[in-house]
Amino acid sequence: MKITYHGQSCIEIHTNEYNLIIDPFLTGNPLADITADQVKVDYVLLTHGHGDHLGDTIPIAKKNNAKVIAPVELATWLSWQGLETYGMNIGGSCDFPFGRVKLTLAHHSSSFEDHEKKEIIYLGNPAGFLLQIEGKIIYHAGDTSLFSDMKLIGMQNDIDIAFLPIGDYFTMGPEDALIAAEWIDAKQVVPIHYNTFPVIEQDASKFITNLRYKGLSGVVLQPGESING
């Protein structure tokens, strides 16, 4: 299994048979290393409906005939845009051909902004993902603050790789992400959701150094870089 980072919170997962992408914000992402036209996937997974996560979901899904897995309100809204979707909810899990998906709690918001109409469309609760794929457990926290149930996520799951936001302002910052990393106790931590915009600029290398002071392992992935799951 190969896992590639594409900037912001976008993660692409290549298994032996299937390709997945999480939160494909590529168009308008100054850090993205690929364009939406270059994406070839079977499934799109969405943590919530904000533009920097929903991103290029509609064109990617339509071009690839890909299925979308998302919180139920967001999935329903995307089905009205002509996509094939699976709408799940917090705590629920389901087996898919590539592996098992469970939605976890995330403390954030979720909406789509129609700037022409000056309307905000509520798209349900945000979520994180626990993915069991090819014998590995991957945790993508989505956009979230620190919350104490992360201890339960770590207690109940032997997590191999955890993707945690560190940008602050809209999500937890590096200090809270360090606490989250301790509670989750993943074998490897990868920081996400930082440096895309000035308001969320962070020193990811310093975050990794501080992880190591706590006896934890982590790695900074530049857009386009990969790790093996």
Protein backbone atom coordinates (compact mmCIF):
# COMPACT_ATOMS: atom_id res chain seq x y z
CA MET A 1 0.00 0.00 0.00
CA LYS A 2 1.31 3.42 -1.00
CA ILE A 3 0.07 6.60 0.66
CA THR A 4 0.73 9.98 -0.98
CA TYR A 5 0.18 13.48 0.39
CA HIS A 6 -1.09 16.20 -1.96
CA GLY A 7 -1.19 19.20 0.37
CA GLN A 8 -3.75 20.52 2.89
CA SER A 9 -5.63 17.38 4.02
CA CYS A 10 -5.58 15.45 0.73
CA ILE A 11 -4.32 11.89 1.02
CA GLU A 12 -4.24 9.35 -1.81
CA ILE A 13 -4.09 5.64 -0.99
CA HIS A 14 -3.06 3.02 -3.54
CA THR A 15 -3.80 -0.59 -2.62
CA ASN A 16 -3.14 -3.70 -4.70
CA GLU A 17 -6.54 -3.33 -6.39
CA TYR A 18 -8.08 0.03 -5.53
CA ASN A 19 -7.20 3.71 -5.41
CA LEU A 20 -8.76 6.10 -2.87
CA ILE A 21 -8.45 9.82 -2.27
CA ILE A 22 -9.44 11.70 0.88
CA ASP A 23 -10.50 15.37 0.79
CA PRO A 24 -9.32 16.15 -2.78
CA PHE A 25 -8.75 19.91 -2.57
CA LEU A 26 -6.46 20.44 -5.58
CA THR A 27 -7.85 23.30 -7.70
CA GLY A 28 -7.08 26.50 -5.81
CA ASN A 29 -4.64 24.73 -3.49
CA PRO A 30 -1.27 26.48 -3.88
CA LEU A 31 0.56 23.46 -2.45
CA ALA A 32 -1.06 20.77 -4.59
CA ASP A 33 1.40 18.79 -6.70
CA ILE A 34 -1.22 17.36 -9.09
CA THR A 35 -4.36 18.55 -10.84
CA ALA A 36 -7.82 17.04 -10.60
CA ASP A 37 -7.48 15.74 -14.18
CA GLN A 38 -4.52 13.60 -13.11
CA VAL A 39 -6.41 11.78 -10.35
CA LYS A 40 -7.42 8.19 -11.06
CA VAL A 41 -9.40 6.69 -8.19
CA ASP A 42 -12.20 4.26 -7.41
CA TYR A 43 -13.41 5.98 -4.22
CA VAL A 44 -13.46 9.51 -2.82
CA LEU A 45 -13.72 9.89 0.96
CA LEU A 46 -14.81 13.21 2.46
CA THR A 47 -14.49 14.29 6.08
CA HIS A 48 -16.80 17.32 5.65
CA GLY A 49 -18.18 19.82 3.20
CA HIS A 50 -15.87 22.83 3.41
CA GLY A 51 -14.36 23.87 0.09
CA ASP A 52 -10.80 23.00 1.10
CA HIS A 53 -11.91 19.38 1.62
CA LEU A 54 -14.82 18.88 -0.77
CA GLY A 55 -12.57 20.46 -3.38
CA ASP A 56 -12.62 18.67 -6.73
CA THR A 57 -14.82 15.79 -5.61
CA ILE A 58 -17.53 16.28 -8.23
CA PRO A 59 -15.30 16.40 -11.34
CA ILE A 60 -13.03 13.63 -10.00
CA ALA A 61 -15.94 11.32 -9.18
CA LYS A 62 -17.66 11.95 -12.51
CA LYS A 63 -14.52 11.47 -14.59
CA ASN A 64 -13.53 8.25 -12.79
CA ASN A 65 -17.03 6.91 -12.14
CA ALA A 66 -15.85 6.84 -8.52
CA LYS A 67 -18.05 6.27 -5.49
CA VAL A 68 -18.10 8.84 -2.68
CA ILE A 69 -18.09 7.94 1.03
CA ALA A 70 -19.06 10.84 3.29
CA PRO A 71 -21.20 11.90 6.26
CA VAL A 72 -24.81 11.31 5.32
CA GLU A 73 -26.01 14.87 4.72
CA LEU A 74 -22.98 15.64 2.56
CA ALA A 75 -23.43 12.35 0.69
CA THR A 76 -27.09 13.14 0.05
CA TRP A 77 -26.24 16.59 -1.29
CA LEU A 78 -23.60 15.10 -3.58
CA SER A 79 -26.05 12.48 -4.83
CA TRP A 80 -28.21 15.41 -5.99
CA GLN A 81 -25.19 16.51 -8.04
CA GLY A 82 -25.28 13.17 -9.85
CA LEU A 83 -22.73 11.18 -7.84
CA GLU A 84 -23.01 7.64 -6.46
CA THR A 85 -22.60 8.00 -2.71
CA TYR A 86 -22.52 6.11 0.56
CA GLY A 87 -23.82 8.27 3.40
CA MET A 88 -22.52 7.17 6.79
CA ASN A 89 -22.64 8.66 10.27
CA ILE A 90 -20.44 9.02 13.34
CA GLY A 91 -19.55 5.69 14.93
CA GLY A 92 -20.85 3.69 11.99
CA SER A 93 -18.66 1.33 10.00
CA CYS A 94 -18.99 -0.58 6.75
CA ASP A 95 -17.00 -3.05 4.67
CA PHE A 96 -16.07 -1.95 1.17
CA PRO A 97 -14.13 -3.89 -1.47
CA PHE A 98 -10.89 -2.12 -0.45
CA GLY A 99 -11.37 -2.51 3.34
CA ARG A 100 -13.38 -1.30 6.31
CA VAL A 101 -14.39 2.32 6.95
CA LYS A 102 -15.48 3.77 10.29
CA LEU A 103 -16.48 7.38 10.87
CA THR A 104 -15.11 9.00 14.00
CA LEU A 105 -16.05 12.12 15.87
CA ALA A 106 -14.53 15.44 14.78
CA HIS A 107 -15.23 18.78 16.43
CA HIS A 108 -15.61 21.28 13.59
CA SER A 109 -18.36 22.44 11.21
CA SER A 110 -19.47 21.46 7.71
CA SER A 111 -21.10 23.56 5.02
CA PHE A 112 -21.02 24.66 1.40
CA GLU A 113 -20.92 28.37 0.64
CA ASP A 114 -22.83 29.63 -2.40
CA HIS A 115 -21.20 33.02 -2.85
CA GLU A 116 -23.49 34.08 -5.70
CA LYS A 117 -26.64 33.53 -3.65
CA LYS A 118 -24.90 34.45 -0.38
CA GLU A 119 -26.18 31.21 1.12
CA ILE A 120 -24.57 28.68 3.42
CA ILE A 121 -25.79 25.10 2.98
CA TYR A 122 -25.45 23.01 6.14
CA LEU A 123 -23.95 19.61 5.36
CA GLY A 124 -24.22 17.69 8.61
CA ASN A 125 -21.56 16.73 11.11
CA PRO A 126 -17.88 16.61 10.19
CA ALA A 127 -16.03 13.34 10.72
CA GLY A 128 -12.70 11.58 10.77
CA PHE A 129 -11.95 8.21 9.21
CA LEU A 130 -10.59 4.97 10.61
CA LEU A 131 -9.60 2.80 7.67
CA GLN A 132 -8.65 -0.87 7.89
CA ILE A 133 -6.86 -1.64 4.65
CA GLU A 134 -4.56 -4.56 3.84
CA GLY A 135 -3.95 -5.30 7.51
CA LYS A 136 -3.15 -1.69 8.44
CA ILE A 137 -5.18 0.89 10.37
CA ILE A 138 -5.07 4.47 9.12
CA TYR A 139 -6.62 7.36 11.04
CA HIS A 140 -7.43 10.59 9.21
CA ALA A 141 -8.72 12.99 11.85
CA GLY A 142 -10.27 15.46 9.42
CA ASP A 143 -10.62 19.01 10.67
CA THR A 144 -10.99 18.94 14.44
CA SER A 145 -10.06 20.41 17.76
CA LEU A 146 -8.49 18.28 20.45
CA PHE A 147 -11.11 16.17 22.21
CA SER A 148 -10.75 13.61 24.98
CA ASP A 149 -12.40 10.76 23.06
CA MET A 150 -9.19 10.57 21.05
CA LYS A 151 -8.00 8.50 24.00
CA LEU A 152 -10.69 5.94 23.16
CA ILE A 153 -9.70 5.95 19.51
CA GLY A 154 -6.16 5.08 20.58
CA MET A 155 -7.29 2.51 23.14
CA GLN A 156 -9.58 0.69 20.76
CA ASN A 157 -7.34 0.69 17.70
CA ASP A 158 -3.73 -0.24 17.03
CA ILE A 159 -3.20 2.63 14.61
CA ASP A 160 -0.35 2.43 12.13
CA ILE A 161 -0.54 5.92 10.61
CA ALA A 162 -2.38 8.98 11.96
CA PHE A 163 -2.93 12.12 9.90
CA LEU A 164 -3.46 15.02 12.30
CA PRO A 165 -4.18 18.70 11.56
CA ILE A 166 -1.70 21.15 13.08
CA GLY A 167 -2.61 24.44 11.39
CA ASP A 168 -4.40 26.11 14.31
CA TYR A 169 -7.00 28.88 13.71
CA PHE A 170 -9.53 26.50 12.09
CA THR A 171 -8.33 23.27 13.78
CA MET A 172 -6.12 22.24 16.64
CA GLY A 173 -2.63 23.68 16.55
CA PRO A 174 0.71 21.93 17.12
CA GLU A 175 0.48 21.92 20.91
CA ASP A 176 -2.93 20.26 20.98
CA ALA A 177 -1.91 17.93 18.14
CA LEU A 178 0.98 16.71 20.31
CA ILE A 179 -1.50 15.74 23.01
CA ALA A 180 -3.70 14.07 20.40
CA ALA A 181 -0.71 12.12 19.13
CA GLU A 182 0.05 10.88 22.66
CA TRP A 183 -3.52 9.74 23.16
CA ILE A 184 -3.80 8.09 19.75
CA ASP A 185 -0.35 6.46 20.06
CA ALA A 186 0.02 5.68 16.36
CA LYS A 187 3.18 4.08 15.05
CA GLN A 188 3.62 7.04 12.69
CA VAL A 189 2.12 10.56 12.77
CA VAL A 190 1.88 12.79 9.70
CA PRO A 191 0.89 16.47 10.10
CA ILE A 192 -1.73 17.88 7.70
CA HIS A 193 -3.84 21.03 7.23
CA TYR A 194 -1.05 23.59 7.52
CA ASN A 195 0.85 26.14 5.36
CA THR A 196 -1.80 26.24 2.62
CA PHE A 197 -2.74 29.78 3.65
CA PRO A 198 -0.90 32.36 5.79
CA VAL A 199 -3.33 32.01 8.69
CA ILE A 200 -2.41 28.32 9.15
CA GLU A 201 1.35 28.51 8.63
CA GLN A 202 3.22 26.18 11.00
CA ASP A 203 6.66 24.62 11.45
CA ALA A 204 5.94 20.96 10.75
CA SER A 205 9.55 19.92 11.37
CA LYS A 206 9.41 21.38 14.87
CA PHE A 207 6.19 19.44 15.46
CA ILE A 208 7.97 16.20 14.49
CA THR A 209 10.91 17.06 16.75
CA ASN A 210 8.53 17.59 19.66
CA LEU A 211 6.87 14.26 18.88
CA ARG A 212 10.22 12.54 19.19
CA TYR A 213 10.85 14.20 22.56
CA LYS A 214 7.72 12.35 23.69
CA GLY A 215 8.96 9.04 22.31
CA LEU A 216 6.65 9.14 19.30
CA SER A 217 7.46 8.75 15.62
CA GLY A 218 6.41 11.10 12.85
CA VAL A 219 7.31 12.33 9.41
CA VAL A 220 6.71 15.48 7.37
CA LEU A 221 5.46 14.71 3.89
CA GLN A 222 5.88 17.35 1.21
CA PRO A 223 3.17 17.40 -1.45
CA GLY A 224 3.87 14.52 -3.81
CA GLU A 225 5.84 12.51 -1.27
CA SER A 226 4.71 9.03 -0.23
CA ILE A 227 5.10 6.50 2.52
CA ASN A 228 4.36 2.80 2.50
CA GLY A 229 1.53 1.60 4.66
